Amino acid sequence: MVVHELSDIAVDRIFQALADTTRRDIVAHTLRREQSVSDLAGHYDMSFAAVQKHVAVLERAMLVTKERRGREQIVHGNTEALRRAAQLLDAYEKIWHDRASRIGEILSEPEKGSDK
């Protein structure tokens, strides 16, 4: 299924990345302000390498971008990728609203053979 220009692989990467609490938190931190991977590692009770792996997953999903500044890698949240994920969820929500509306229409139809 391709929704809003996202391939199945891209959608899988986005939602697999966002399925983890630490990765969602990293996205939130980097959306507030850019941070180095070292600064991000200071927020979590895990190794620097583990935080780097979380950032790599987020980068593959295009939810964050990294740029090298001297010896540091600076991580930025990618609002465009989050917007596309939100559009995808909106599309699913519309499917459910349409289904609920259709169920409502079916329930409001008079039964066949009844006088109502």
PDB file of N, CA and C in Angstrom:
ATOM      1  N   MET A   1       0.837  -1.174   0.000  1.00  0.00           N
ATOM      2  CA  MET A   1       0.000   0.000   0.000  1.00  0.00           C
ATOM      3  C   MET A   1       0.883   1.237   0.000  1.00  0.00           C
ATOM      4  N   VAL A   2       0.642   2.136  -0.899  1.00  0.00           N
ATOM      5  CA  VAL A   2       1.381   3.391  -0.941  1.00  0.00           C
ATOM      6  C   VAL A   2       0.409   4.519  -0.621  1.00  0.00           C
ATOM      7  N   VAL A   3       0.673   5.209   0.433  1.00  0.00           N
ATOM      8  CA  VAL A   3      -0.156   6.328   0.853  1.00  0.00           C
ATOM      9  C   VAL A   3       0.727   7.548   0.933  1.00  0.00           C
ATOM     10  N   HIS A   4       0.289   8.623   0.304  1.00  0.00           N
ATOM     11  CA  HIS A   4       0.994   9.903   0.348  1.00  0.00           C
ATOM     12  C   HIS A   4       2.470   9.750  -0.009  1.00  0.00           C
ATOM     13  N   GLU A   5       2.733   9.081  -1.109  1.00  0.00           N
ATOM     14  CA  GLU A   5       4.070   8.993  -1.668  1.00  0.00           C
ATOM     15  C   GLU A   5       5.050   8.198  -0.812  1.00  0.00           C
ATOM     16  N   LEU A   6       4.578   7.435   0.131  1.00  0.00           N
ATOM     17  CA  LEU A   6       5.468   6.610   0.945  1.00  0.00           C
ATOM     18  C   LEU A   6       5.347   5.165   0.489  1.00  0.00           C
ATOM     19  N   SER A   7       6.488   4.517   0.304  1.00  0.00           N
ATOM     20  CA  SER A   7       6.463   3.105  -0.046  1.00  0.00           C
ATOM     21  C   SER A   7       6.179   2.285   1.202  1.00  0.00           C
ATOM     22  N   ASP A   8       5.849   1.020   0.992  1.00  0.00           N
ATOM     23  CA  ASP A   8       5.622   0.132   2.133  1.00  0.00           C
ATOM     24  C   ASP A   8       6.858   0.060   3.018  1.00  0.00           C
ATOM     25  N   ILE A   9       8.017   0.029   2.383  1.00  0.00           N
ATOM     26  CA  ILE A   9       9.270  -0.052   3.154  1.00  0.00           C
ATOM     27  C   ILE A   9       9.458   1.208   4.006  1.00  0.00           C
ATOM     28  N   ALA A  10       9.181   2.367   3.429  1.00  0.00           N
ATOM     29  CA  ALA A  10       9.327   3.621   4.175  1.00  0.00           C
ATOM     30  C   ALA A  10       8.345   3.680   5.342  1.00  0.00           C
ATOM     31  N   VAL A  11       7.112   3.247   5.097  1.00  0.00           N
ATOM     32  CA  VAL A  11       6.107   3.238   6.162  1.00  0.00           C
ATOM     33  C   VAL A  11       6.538   2.274   7.271  1.00  0.00           C
ATOM     34  N   ASP A  12       7.005   1.091   6.892  1.00  0.00           N
ATOM     35  CA  ASP A  12       7.475   0.128   7.901  1.00  0.00           C
ATOM     36  C   ASP A  12       8.614   0.718   8.725  1.00  0.00           C
ATOM     37  N   ARG A  13       9.549   1.363   8.067  1.00  0.00           N
ATOM     38  CA  ARG A  13      10.683   1.952   8.792  1.00  0.00           C
ATOM     39  C   ARG A  13      10.230   3.028   9.770  1.00  0.00           C
ATOM     40  N   ILE A  14       9.311   3.872   9.328  1.00  0.00           N
ATOM     41  CA  ILE A  14       8.836   4.957  10.200  1.00  0.00           C
ATOM     42  C   ILE A  14       8.166   4.385  11.441  1.00  0.00           C
ATOM     43  N   PHE A  15       7.242   3.451  11.240  1.00  0.00           N
ATOM     44  CA  PHE A  15       6.488   2.975  12.400  1.00  0.00           C
ATOM     45  C   PHE A  15       7.295   2.005  13.255  1.00  0.00           C
ATOM     46  N   GLN A  16       8.224   1.268  12.674  1.00  0.00           N
ATOM     47  CA  GLN A  16       9.116   0.447  13.502  1.00  0.00           C
ATOM     48  C   GLN A  16      10.017   1.354  14.341  1.00  0.00           C
ATOM     49  N   ALA A  17      10.455   2.435  13.757  1.00  0.00           N
ATOM     50  CA  ALA A  17      11.298   3.377  14.506  1.00  0.00           C
ATOM     51  C   ALA A  17      10.509   4.025  15.637  1.00  0.00           C
ATOM     52  N   LEU A  18       9.282   4.403  15.367  1.00  0.00           N
ATOM     53  CA  LEU A  18       8.470   5.087  16.378  1.00  0.00           C
ATOM     54  C   LEU A  18       7.870   4.125  17.401  1.00  0.00           C
ATOM     55  N   ALA A  19       8.009   2.837  17.190  1.00  0.00           N
ATOM     56  CA  ALA A  19       7.452   1.856  18.129  1.00  0.00           C
ATOM     57  C   ALA A  19       8.259   1.764  19.419  1.00  0.00           C
ATOM     58  N   ASP A  20       9.415   2.367  19.444  1.00  0.00           N
ATOM     59  CA  ASP A  20      10.292   2.287  20.605  1.00  0.00           C
ATOM     60  C   ASP A  20      10.235   3.592  21.400  1.00  0.00           C
ATOM     61  N   THR A  21      10.077   3.482  22.714  1.00  0.00           N
ATOM     62  CA  THR A  21       9.961   4.656  23.584  1.00  0.00           C
ATOM     63  C   THR A  21      11.191   5.557  23.501  1.00  0.00           C
ATOM     64  N   THR A  22      12.363   4.958  23.534  1.00  0.00           N
ATOM     65  CA  THR A  22      13.592   5.760  23.494  1.00  0.00           C
ATOM     66  C   THR A  22      13.678   6.520  22.178  1.00  0.00           C
ATOM     67  N   ARG A  23      13.351   5.864  21.089  1.00  0.00           N
ATOM     68  CA  ARG A  23      13.442   6.548  19.793  1.00  0.00           C
ATOM     69  C   ARG A  23      12.421   7.678  19.685  1.00  0.00           C
ATOM     70  N   ARG A  24      11.217   7.456  20.214  1.00  0.00           N
ATOM     71  CA  ARG A  24      10.236   8.562  20.212  1.00  0.00           C
ATOM     72  C   ARG A  24      10.754   9.735  21.035  1.00  0.00           C
ATOM     73  N   ASP A  25      11.392   9.423  22.152  1.00  0.00           N
ATOM     74  CA  ASP A  25      11.938  10.476  22.997  1.00  0.00           C
ATOM     75  C   ASP A  25      13.082  11.216  22.291  1.00  0.00           C
ATOM     76  N   ILE A  26      13.922  10.476  21.581  1.00  0.00           N
ATOM     77  CA  ILE A  26      14.999  11.127  20.828  1.00  0.00           C
ATOM     78  C   ILE A  26      14.412  12.063  19.778  1.00  0.00           C
ATOM     79  N   VAL A  27      13.379  11.632  19.096  1.00  0.00           N
ATOM     80  CA  VAL A  27      12.732  12.503  18.104  1.00  0.00           C
ATOM     81  C   VAL A  27      12.216  13.768  18.785  1.00  0.00           C
ATOM     82  N   ALA A  28      11.570  13.596  19.939  1.00  0.00           N
ATOM     83  CA  ALA A  28      11.039  14.772  20.650  1.00  0.00           C
ATOM     84  C   ALA A  28      12.166  15.727  21.036  1.00  0.00           C
ATOM     85  N   HIS A  29      13.260  15.191  21.579  1.00  0.00           N
ATOM     86  CA  HIS A  29      14.397  16.046  21.953  1.00  0.00           C
ATOM     87  C   HIS A  29      14.951  16.795  20.748  1.00  0.00           C
ATOM     88  N   THR A  30      15.110  16.097  19.638  1.00  0.00           N
ATOM     89  CA  THR A  30      15.735  16.730  18.469  1.00  0.00           C
ATOM     90  C   THR A  30      14.788  17.673  17.736  1.00  0.00           C
ATOM     91  N   LEU A  31      13.496  17.516  17.965  1.00  0.00           N
ATOM     92  CA  LEU A  31      12.565  18.492  17.398  1.00  0.00           C
ATOM     93  C   LEU A  31      12.578  19.792  18.193  1.00  0.00           C
ATOM     94  N   ARG A  32      12.849  19.658  19.512  1.00  0.00           N
ATOM     95  CA  ARG A  32      12.911  20.873  20.339  1.00  0.00           C
ATOM     96  C   ARG A  32      14.151  21.693  19.975  1.00  0.00           C
ATOM     97  N   ARG A  33      15.269  20.973  19.816  1.00  0.00           N
ATOM     98  CA  ARG A  33      16.508  21.648  19.397  1.00  0.00           C
ATOM     99  C   ARG A  33      17.489  20.584  18.928  1.00  0.00           C
ATOM    100  N   GLU A  34      18.347  20.958  18.027  1.00  0.00           N
ATOM    101  CA  GLU A  34      19.359  20.032  17.549  1.00  0.00           C
ATOM    102  C   GLU A  34      20.261  19.645  18.707  1.00  0.00           C
ATOM    103  N   GLN A  35      20.727  18.406  18.693  1.00  0.00           N
ATOM    104  CA  GLN A  35      21.596  17.935  19.773  1.00  0.00           C
ATOM    105  C   GLN A  35      22.631  16.998  19.192  1.00  0.00           C
ATOM    106  N   SER A  36      23.774  16.975  19.841  1.00  0.00           N
ATOM    107  CA  SER A  36      24.791  16.008  19.437  1.00  0.00           C
ATOM    108  C   SER A  36      24.389  14.632  19.969  1.00  0.00           C
ATOM    109  N   VAL A  37      24.933  13.612  19.363  1.00  0.00           N
ATOM    110  CA  VAL A  37      24.654  12.259  19.848  1.00  0.00           C
ATOM    111  C   VAL A  37      25.142  12.129  21.287  1.00  0.00           C
ATOM    112  N   SER A  38      26.250  12.765  21.606  1.00  0.00           N
ATOM    113  CA  SER A  38      26.775  12.740  22.985  1.00  0.00           C
ATOM    114  C   SER A  38      25.775  13.366  23.960  1.00  0.00           C
ATOM    115  N   ASP A  39      25.205  14.515  23.586  1.00  0.00           N
ATOM    116  CA  ASP A  39      24.199  15.152  24.444  1.00  0.00           C
ATOM    117  C   ASP A  39      22.980  14.246  24.611  1.00  0.00           C
ATOM    118  N   LEU A  40      22.563  13.628  23.507  1.00  0.00           N
ATOM    119  CA  LEU A  40      21.409  12.716  23.586  1.00  0.00           C
ATOM    120  C   LEU A  40      21.717  11.557  24.516  1.00  0.00           C
ATOM    121  N   ALA A  41      22.931  11.025  24.447  1.00  0.00           N
ATOM    122  CA  ALA A  41      23.299   9.884  25.286  1.00  0.00           C
ATOM    123  C   ALA A  41      23.196  10.235  26.773  1.00  0.00           C
ATOM    124  N   GLY A  42      23.392  11.515  27.103  1.00  0.00           N
ATOM    125  CA  GLY A  42      23.284  11.941  28.492  1.00  0.00           C
ATOM    126  C   GLY A  42      21.878  11.848  29.051  1.00  0.00           C
ATOM    127  N   HIS A  43      20.882  11.730  28.192  1.00  0.00           N
ATOM    128  CA  HIS A  43      19.487  11.648  28.645  1.00  0.00           C
ATOM    129  C   HIS A  43      19.067  10.235  29.036  1.00  0.00           C
ATOM    130  N   TYR A  44      19.865   9.252  28.684  1.00  0.00           N
ATOM    131  CA  TYR A  44      19.409   7.863  28.824  1.00  0.00           C
ATOM    132  C   TYR A  44      20.392   7.033  29.626  1.00  0.00           C
ATOM    133  N   ASP A  45      19.846   6.061  30.310  1.00  0.00           N
ATOM    134  CA  ASP A  45      20.655   5.137  31.096  1.00  0.00           C
ATOM    135  C   ASP A  45      21.053   3.961  30.201  1.00  0.00           C
ATOM    136  N   MET A  46      21.834   4.273  29.194  1.00  0.00           N
ATOM    137  CA  MET A  46      22.327   3.252  28.268  1.00  0.00           C
ATOM    138  C   MET A  46      23.631   3.758  27.667  1.00  0.00           C
ATOM    139  N   SER A  47      24.328   2.890  27.003  1.00  0.00           N
ATOM    140  CA  SER A  47      25.631   3.267  26.457  1.00  0.00           C
ATOM    141  C   SER A  47      25.484   4.255  25.287  1.00  0.00           C
ATOM    142  N   PHE A  48      26.554   4.959  25.029  1.00  0.00           N
ATOM    143  CA  PHE A  48      26.613   5.865  23.877  1.00  0.00           C
ATOM    144  C   PHE A  48      26.330   5.078  22.591  1.00  0.00           C
ATOM    145  N   ALA A  49      26.926   3.877  22.500  1.00  0.00           N
ATOM    146  CA  ALA A  49      26.730   3.044  21.305  1.00  0.00           C
ATOM    147  C   ALA A  49      25.252   2.680  21.109  1.00  0.00           C
ATOM    148  N   ALA A  50      24.559   2.402  22.205  1.00  0.00           N
ATOM    149  CA  ALA A  50      23.136   2.060  22.099  1.00  0.00           C
ATOM    150  C   ALA A  50      22.337   3.259  21.583  1.00  0.00           C
ATOM    151  N   VAL A  51      22.670   4.460  22.073  1.00  0.00           N
ATOM    152  CA  VAL A  51      21.981   5.669  21.589  1.00  0.00           C
ATOM    153  C   VAL A  51      22.300   5.889  20.112  1.00  0.00           C
ATOM    154  N   GLN A  52      23.550   5.655  19.732  1.00  0.00           N
ATOM    155  CA  GLN A  52      23.911   5.781  18.315  1.00  0.00           C
ATOM    156  C   GLN A  52      23.072   4.834  17.453  1.00  0.00           C
ATOM    157  N   LYS A  53      22.847   3.616  17.943  1.00  0.00           N
ATOM    158  CA  LYS A  53      22.037   2.662  17.180  1.00  0.00           C
ATOM    159  C   LYS A  53      20.597   3.151  17.056  1.00  0.00           C
ATOM    160  N   HIS A  54      20.058   3.727  18.134  1.00  0.00           N
ATOM    161  CA  HIS A  54      18.702   4.281  18.048  1.00  0.00           C
ATOM    162  C   HIS A  54      18.653   5.423  17.025  1.00  0.00           C
ATOM    163  N   VAL A  55      19.656   6.274  17.054  1.00  0.00           N
ATOM    164  CA  VAL A  55      19.708   7.392  16.102  1.00  0.00           C
ATOM    165  C   VAL A  55      19.825   6.857  14.672  1.00  0.00           C
ATOM    166  N   ALA A  56      20.598   5.789  14.489  1.00  0.00           N
ATOM    167  CA  ALA A  56      20.744   5.205  13.148  1.00  0.00           C
ATOM    168  C   ALA A  56      19.403   4.667  12.635  1.00  0.00           C
ATOM    169  N   VAL A  57      18.640   4.039  13.516  1.00  0.00           N
ATOM    170  CA  VAL A  57      17.308   3.546  13.115  1.00  0.00           C
ATOM    171  C   VAL A  57      16.422   4.726  12.710  1.00  0.00           C
ATOM    172  N   LEU A  58      16.465   5.785  13.501  1.00  0.00           N
ATOM    173  CA  LEU A  58      15.660   6.979  13.187  1.00  0.00           C
ATOM    174  C   LEU A  58      16.127   7.639  11.893  1.00  0.00           C
ATOM    175  N   GLU A  59      17.416   7.617  11.653  1.00  0.00           N
ATOM    176  CA  GLU A  59      17.957   8.209  10.425  1.00  0.00           C
ATOM    177  C   GLU A  59      17.523   7.394   9.208  1.00  0.00           C
ATOM    178  N   ARG A  60      17.547   6.059   9.310  1.00  0.00           N
ATOM    179  CA  ARG A  60      17.085   5.210   8.196  1.00  0.00           C
ATOM    180  C   ARG A  60      15.609   5.451   7.891  1.00  0.00           C
ATOM    181  N   ALA A  61      14.856   5.765   8.931  1.00  0.00           N
ATOM    182  CA  ALA A  61      13.430   6.055   8.755  1.00  0.00           C
ATOM    183  C   ALA A  61      13.202   7.509   8.334  1.00  0.00           C
ATOM    184  N   MET A  62      14.289   8.269   8.209  1.00  0.00           N
ATOM    185  CA  MET A  62      14.256   9.685   7.821  1.00  0.00           C
ATOM    186  C   MET A  62      13.529  10.555   8.845  1.00  0.00           C
ATOM    187  N   LEU A  63      13.457  10.078  10.091  1.00  0.00           N
ATOM    188  CA  LEU A  63      12.810  10.866  11.140  1.00  0.00           C
ATOM    189  C   LEU A  63      13.778  11.879  11.754  1.00  0.00           C
ATOM    190  N   VAL A  64      15.067  11.627  11.580  1.00  0.00           N
ATOM    191  CA  VAL A  64      16.087  12.588  12.000  1.00  0.00           C
ATOM    192  C   VAL A  64      17.151  12.638  10.908  1.00  0.00           C
ATOM    193  N   THR A  65      17.903  13.709  10.918  1.00  0.00           N
ATOM    194  CA  THR A  65      19.067  13.816  10.032  1.00  0.00           C
ATOM    195  C   THR A  65      20.271  14.113  10.912  1.00  0.00           C
ATOM    196  N   LYS A  66      21.438  13.714  10.426  1.00  0.00           N
ATOM    197  CA  LYS A  66      22.672  13.991  11.168  1.00  0.00           C
ATOM    198  C   LYS A  66      23.597  14.801  10.285  1.00  0.00           C
ATOM    199  N   GLU A  67      24.321  15.674  10.910  1.00  0.00           N
ATOM    200  CA  GLU A  67      25.368  16.403  10.193  1.00  0.00           C
ATOM    201  C   GLU A  67      26.606  16.412  11.085  1.00  0.00           C
ATOM    202  N   ARG A  68      27.735  16.312  10.460  1.00  0.00           N
ATOM    203  CA  ARG A  68      28.987  16.330  11.212  1.00  0.00           C
ATOM    204  C   ARG A  68      29.444  17.768  11.372  1.00  0.00           C
ATOM    205  N   ARG A  69      29.747  18.131  12.627  1.00  0.00           N
ATOM    206  CA  ARG A  69      30.343  19.442  12.934  1.00  0.00           C
ATOM    207  C   ARG A  69      31.589  19.180  13.767  1.00  0.00           C
ATOM    208  N   GLY A  70      32.674  19.252  13.116  1.00  0.00           N
ATOM    209  CA  GLY A  70      33.923  18.941  13.809  1.00  0.00           C
ATOM    210  C   GLY A  70      33.930  17.483  14.229  1.00  0.00           C
ATOM    211  N   ARG A  71      34.076  17.266  15.522  1.00  0.00           N
ATOM    212  CA  ARG A  71      34.121  15.891  16.031  1.00  0.00           C
ATOM    213  C   ARG A  71      32.740  15.377  16.416  1.00  0.00           C
ATOM    214  N   GLU A  72      31.748  16.238  16.381  1.00  0.00           N
ATOM    215  CA  GLU A  72      30.413  15.833  16.829  1.00  0.00           C
ATOM    216  C   GLU A  72      29.477  15.581  15.650  1.00  0.00           C
ATOM    217  N   GLN A  73      28.521  14.702  15.900  1.00  0.00           N
ATOM    218  CA  GLN A  73      27.437  14.486  14.944  1.00  0.00           C
ATOM    219  C   GLN A  73      26.182  15.116  15.552  1.00  0.00           C
ATOM    220  N   ILE A  74      25.646  16.090  14.848  1.00  0.00           N
ATOM    221  CA  ILE A  74      24.490  16.832  15.335  1.00  0.00           C
ATOM    222  C   ILE A  74      23.229  16.219  14.725  1.00  0.00           C
ATOM    223  N   VAL A  75      22.254  15.957  15.575  1.00  0.00           N
ATOM    224  CA  VAL A  75      21.013  15.299  15.152  1.00  0.00           C
ATOM    225  C   VAL A  75      19.886  16.333  15.130  1.00  0.00           C
ATOM    226  N   HIS A  76      19.148  16.334  14.024  1.00  0.00           N
ATOM    227  CA  HIS A  76      18.002  17.238  13.852  1.00  0.00           C
ATOM    228  C   HIS A  76      16.750  16.393  13.642  1.00  0.00           C
ATOM    229  N   GLY A  77      15.649  16.781  14.246  1.00  0.00           N
ATOM    230  CA  GLY A  77      14.376  16.129  13.961  1.00  0.00           C
ATOM    231  C   GLY A  77      13.902  16.554  12.578  1.00  0.00           C
ATOM    232  N   ASN A  78      13.272  15.643  11.867  1.00  0.00           N
ATOM    233  CA  ASN A  78      12.795  15.926  10.508  1.00  0.00           C
ATOM    234  C   ASN A  78      11.278  16.083  10.547  1.00  0.00           C
ATOM    235  N   THR A  79      10.833  17.321  10.564  1.00  0.00           N
ATOM    236  CA  THR A  79       9.397  17.583  10.663  1.00  0.00           C
ATOM    237  C   THR A  79       8.643  17.107   9.426  1.00  0.00           C
ATOM    238  N   GLU A  80       9.307  17.114   8.277  1.00  0.00           N
ATOM    239  CA  GLU A  80       8.642  16.667   7.040  1.00  0.00           C
ATOM    240  C   GLU A  80       8.277  15.180   7.129  1.00  0.00           C
ATOM    241  N   ALA A  81       9.182  14.360   7.645  1.00  0.00           N
ATOM    242  CA  ALA A  81       8.893  12.924   7.775  1.00  0.00           C
ATOM    243  C   ALA A  81       7.759  12.697   8.768  1.00  0.00           C
ATOM    244  N   LEU A  82       7.754  13.458   9.838  1.00  0.00           N
ATOM    245  CA  LEU A  82       6.670  13.317  10.815  1.00  0.00           C
ATOM    246  C   LEU A  82       5.341  13.766  10.225  1.00  0.00           C
ATOM    247  N   ARG A  83       5.402  14.813   9.393  1.00  0.00           N
ATOM    248  CA  ARG A  83       4.169  15.279   8.728  1.00  0.00           C
ATOM    249  C   ARG A  83       3.617  14.181   7.822  1.00  0.00           C
ATOM    250  N   ARG A  84       4.517  13.505   7.088  1.00  0.00           N
ATOM    251  CA  ARG A  84       4.058  12.423   6.214  1.00  0.00           C
ATOM    252  C   ARG A  84       3.478  11.265   7.028  1.00  0.00           C
ATOM    253  N   ALA A  85       4.082  10.968   8.169  1.00  0.00           N
ATOM    254  CA  ALA A  85       3.546   9.914   9.039  1.00  0.00           C
ATOM    255  C   ALA A  85       2.163  10.323   9.555  1.00  0.00           C
ATOM    256  N   ALA A  86       2.024  11.598   9.907  1.00  0.00           N
ATOM    257  CA  ALA A  86       0.719  12.092  10.376  1.00  0.00           C
ATOM    258  C   ALA A  86      -0.320  12.001   9.260  1.00  0.00           C
ATOM    259  N   GLN A  87       0.086  12.307   8.031  1.00  0.00           N
ATOM    260  CA  GLN A  87      -0.839  12.193   6.895  1.00  0.00           C
ATOM    261  C   GLN A  87      -1.273  10.746   6.698  1.00  0.00           C
ATOM    262  N   LEU A  88      -0.344   9.829   6.886  1.00  0.00           N
ATOM    263  CA  LEU A  88      -0.677   8.415   6.755  1.00  0.00           C
ATOM    264  C   LEU A  88      -1.707   8.016   7.817  1.00  0.00           C
ATOM    265  N   LEU A  89      -1.478   8.447   9.054  1.00  0.00           N
ATOM    266  CA  LEU A  89      -2.438   8.133  10.120  1.00  0.00           C
ATOM    267  C   LEU A  89      -3.786   8.795   9.847  1.00  0.00           C
ATOM    268  N   ASP A  90      -3.759  10.008   9.299  1.00  0.00           N
ATOM    269  CA  ASP A  90      -5.014  10.681   8.926  1.00  0.00           C
ATOM    270  C   ASP A  90      -5.767   9.862   7.871  1.00  0.00           C
ATOM    271  N   ALA A  91      -5.015   9.284   6.914  1.00  0.00           N
ATOM    272  CA  ALA A  91      -5.655   8.477   5.872  1.00  0.00           C
ATOM    273  C   ALA A  91      -6.316   7.238   6.490  1.00  0.00           C
ATOM    274  N   TYR A  92      -5.625   6.609   7.451  1.00  0.00           N
ATOM    275  CA  TYR A  92      -6.229   5.450   8.127  1.00  0.00           C
ATOM    276  C   TYR A  92      -7.454   5.871   8.945  1.00  0.00           C
ATOM    277  N   GLU A  93      -7.341   7.033   9.598  1.00  0.00           N
ATOM    278  CA  GLU A  93      -8.473   7.526  10.378  1.00  0.00           C
ATOM    279  C   GLU A  93      -9.679   7.767   9.474  1.00  0.00           C
ATOM    280  N   LYS A  94      -9.439   8.297   8.272  1.00  0.00           N
ATOM    281  CA  LYS A  94     -10.541   8.543   7.331  1.00  0.00           C
ATOM    282  C   LYS A  94     -11.198   7.221   6.926  1.00  0.00           C
ATOM    283  N   ILE A  95     -10.379   6.182   6.720  1.00  0.00           N
ATOM    284  CA  ILE A  95     -10.946   4.870   6.383  1.00  0.00           C
ATOM    285  C   ILE A  95     -11.893   4.418   7.493  1.00  0.00           C
ATOM    286  N   TRP A  96     -11.466   4.571   8.744  1.00  0.00           N
ATOM    287  CA  TRP A  96     -12.312   4.141   9.860  1.00  0.00           C
ATOM    288  C   TRP A  96     -13.551   5.009   9.992  1.00  0.00           C
ATOM    289  N   HIS A  97     -13.422   6.319   9.780  1.00  0.00           N
ATOM    290  CA  HIS A  97     -14.607   7.190   9.828  1.00  0.00           C
ATOM    291  C   HIS A  97     -15.594   6.800   8.730  1.00  0.00           C
ATOM    292  N   ASP A  98     -15.087   6.524   7.536  1.00  0.00           N
ATOM    293  CA  ASP A  98     -15.962   6.117   6.438  1.00  0.00           C
ATOM    294  C   ASP A  98     -16.672   4.807   6.777  1.00  0.00           C
ATOM    295  N   ARG A  99     -15.936   3.857   7.372  1.00  0.00           N
ATOM    296  CA  ARG A  99     -16.554   2.584   7.774  1.00  0.00           C
ATOM    297  C   ARG A  99     -17.639   2.820   8.827  1.00  0.00           C
ATOM    298  N   ALA A 100     -17.340   3.654   9.819  1.00  0.00           N
ATOM    299  CA  ALA A 100     -18.315   3.934  10.872  1.00  0.00           C
ATOM    300  C   ALA A 100     -19.551   4.612  10.285  1.00  0.00           C
ATOM    301  N   SER A 101     -19.335   5.528   9.338  1.00  0.00           N
ATOM    302  CA  SER A 101     -20.472   6.196   8.691  1.00  0.00           C
ATOM    303  C   SER A 101     -21.323   5.185   7.924  1.00  0.00           C
ATOM    304  N   ARG A 102     -20.648   4.303   7.222  1.00  0.00           N
ATOM    305  CA  ARG A 102     -21.382   3.290   6.451  1.00  0.00           C
ATOM    306  C   ARG A 102     -22.169   2.369   7.376  1.00  0.00           C
ATOM    307  N   ILE A 103     -21.579   1.980   8.499  1.00  0.00           N
ATOM    308  CA  ILE A 103     -22.295   1.149   9.475  1.00  0.00           C
ATOM    309  C   ILE A 103     -23.516   1.904   9.991  1.00  0.00           C
ATOM    310  N   GLY A 104     -23.352   3.207  10.263  1.00  0.00           N
ATOM    311  CA  GLY A 104     -24.474   4.030  10.712  1.00  0.00           C
ATOM    312  C   GLY A 104     -25.578   4.081   9.673  1.00  0.00           C
ATOM    313  N   GLU A 105     -25.192   4.191   8.401  1.00  0.00           N
ATOM    314  CA  GLU A 105     -26.196   4.215   7.331  1.00  0.00           C
ATOM    315  C   GLU A 105     -26.948   2.889   7.259  1.00  0.00           C
ATOM    316  N   ILE A 106     -26.205   1.799   7.385  1.00  0.00           N
ATOM    317  CA  ILE A 106     -26.837   0.465   7.324  1.00  0.00           C
ATOM    318  C   ILE A 106     -27.802   0.297   8.489  1.00  0.00           C
ATOM    319  N   LEU A 107     -27.397   0.736   9.691  1.00  0.00           N
ATOM    320  CA  LEU A 107     -28.254   0.582  10.861  1.00  0.00           C
ATOM    321  C   LEU A 107     -29.485   1.466  10.796  1.00  0.00           C
ATOM    322  N   SER A 108     -29.387   2.608  10.098  1.00  0.00           N
ATOM    323  CA  SER A 108     -30.542   3.504  10.020  1.00  0.00           C
ATOM    324  C   SER A 108     -31.499   3.125   8.896  1.00  0.00           C
ATOM    325  N   GLU A 109     -31.091   2.228   8.001  1.00  0.00           N
ATOM    326  CA  GLU A 109     -31.982   1.786   6.931  1.00  0.00           C
ATOM    327  C   GLU A 109     -33.092   0.929   7.517  1.00  0.00           C
ATOM    328  N   PRO A 110     -34.316   1.132   7.048  1.00  0.00           N
ATOM    329  CA  PRO A 110     -35.404   0.276   7.524  1.00  0.00           C
ATOM    330  C   PRO A 110     -35.162  -1.168   7.078  1.00  0.00           C
ATOM    331  N   GLU A 111     -35.509  -2.092   7.963  1.00  0.00           N
ATOM    332  CA  GLU A 111     -35.344  -3.499   7.612  1.00  0.00           C
ATOM    333  C   GLU A 111     -36.287  -3.855   6.474  1.00  0.00           C
ATOM    334  N   LYS A 112     -35.835  -4.716   5.620  1.00  0.00           N
ATOM    335  CA  LYS A 112     -36.684  -5.172   4.532  1.00  0.00           C
ATOM    336  C   LYS A 112     -37.862  -5.939   5.114  1.00  0.00           C
ATOM    337  N   GLY A 113     -39.015  -5.630   4.633  1.00  0.00           N
ATOM    338  CA  GLY A 113     -40.215  -6.314   5.097  1.00  0.00           C
ATOM    339  C   GLY A 113     -40.860  -5.640   6.294  1.00  0.00           C
ATOM    340  N   SER A 114     -40.175  -4.604   6.867  1.00  0.00           N
ATOM    341  CA  SER A 114     -40.810  -3.914   7.990  1.00  0.00           C
ATOM    342  C   SER A 114     -41.527  -2.689   7.459  1.00  0.00           C
ATOM    343  N   ASP A 115     -42.469  -2.166   8.221  1.00  0.00           N
ATOM    344  CA  ASP A 115     -43.238  -1.003   7.814  1.00  0.00           C
ATOM    345  C   ASP A 115     -42.545   0.306   8.197  1.00  0.00           C
ATOM    346  N   LYS A 116     -41.429   0.235   8.932  1.00  0.00           N
ATOM    347  CA  LYS A 116     -40.761   1.458   9.414  1.00  0.00           C
ATOM    348  C   LYS A 116     -39.980   2.117   8.344  1.00  0.00           C
TER     349      LYS A 116
END
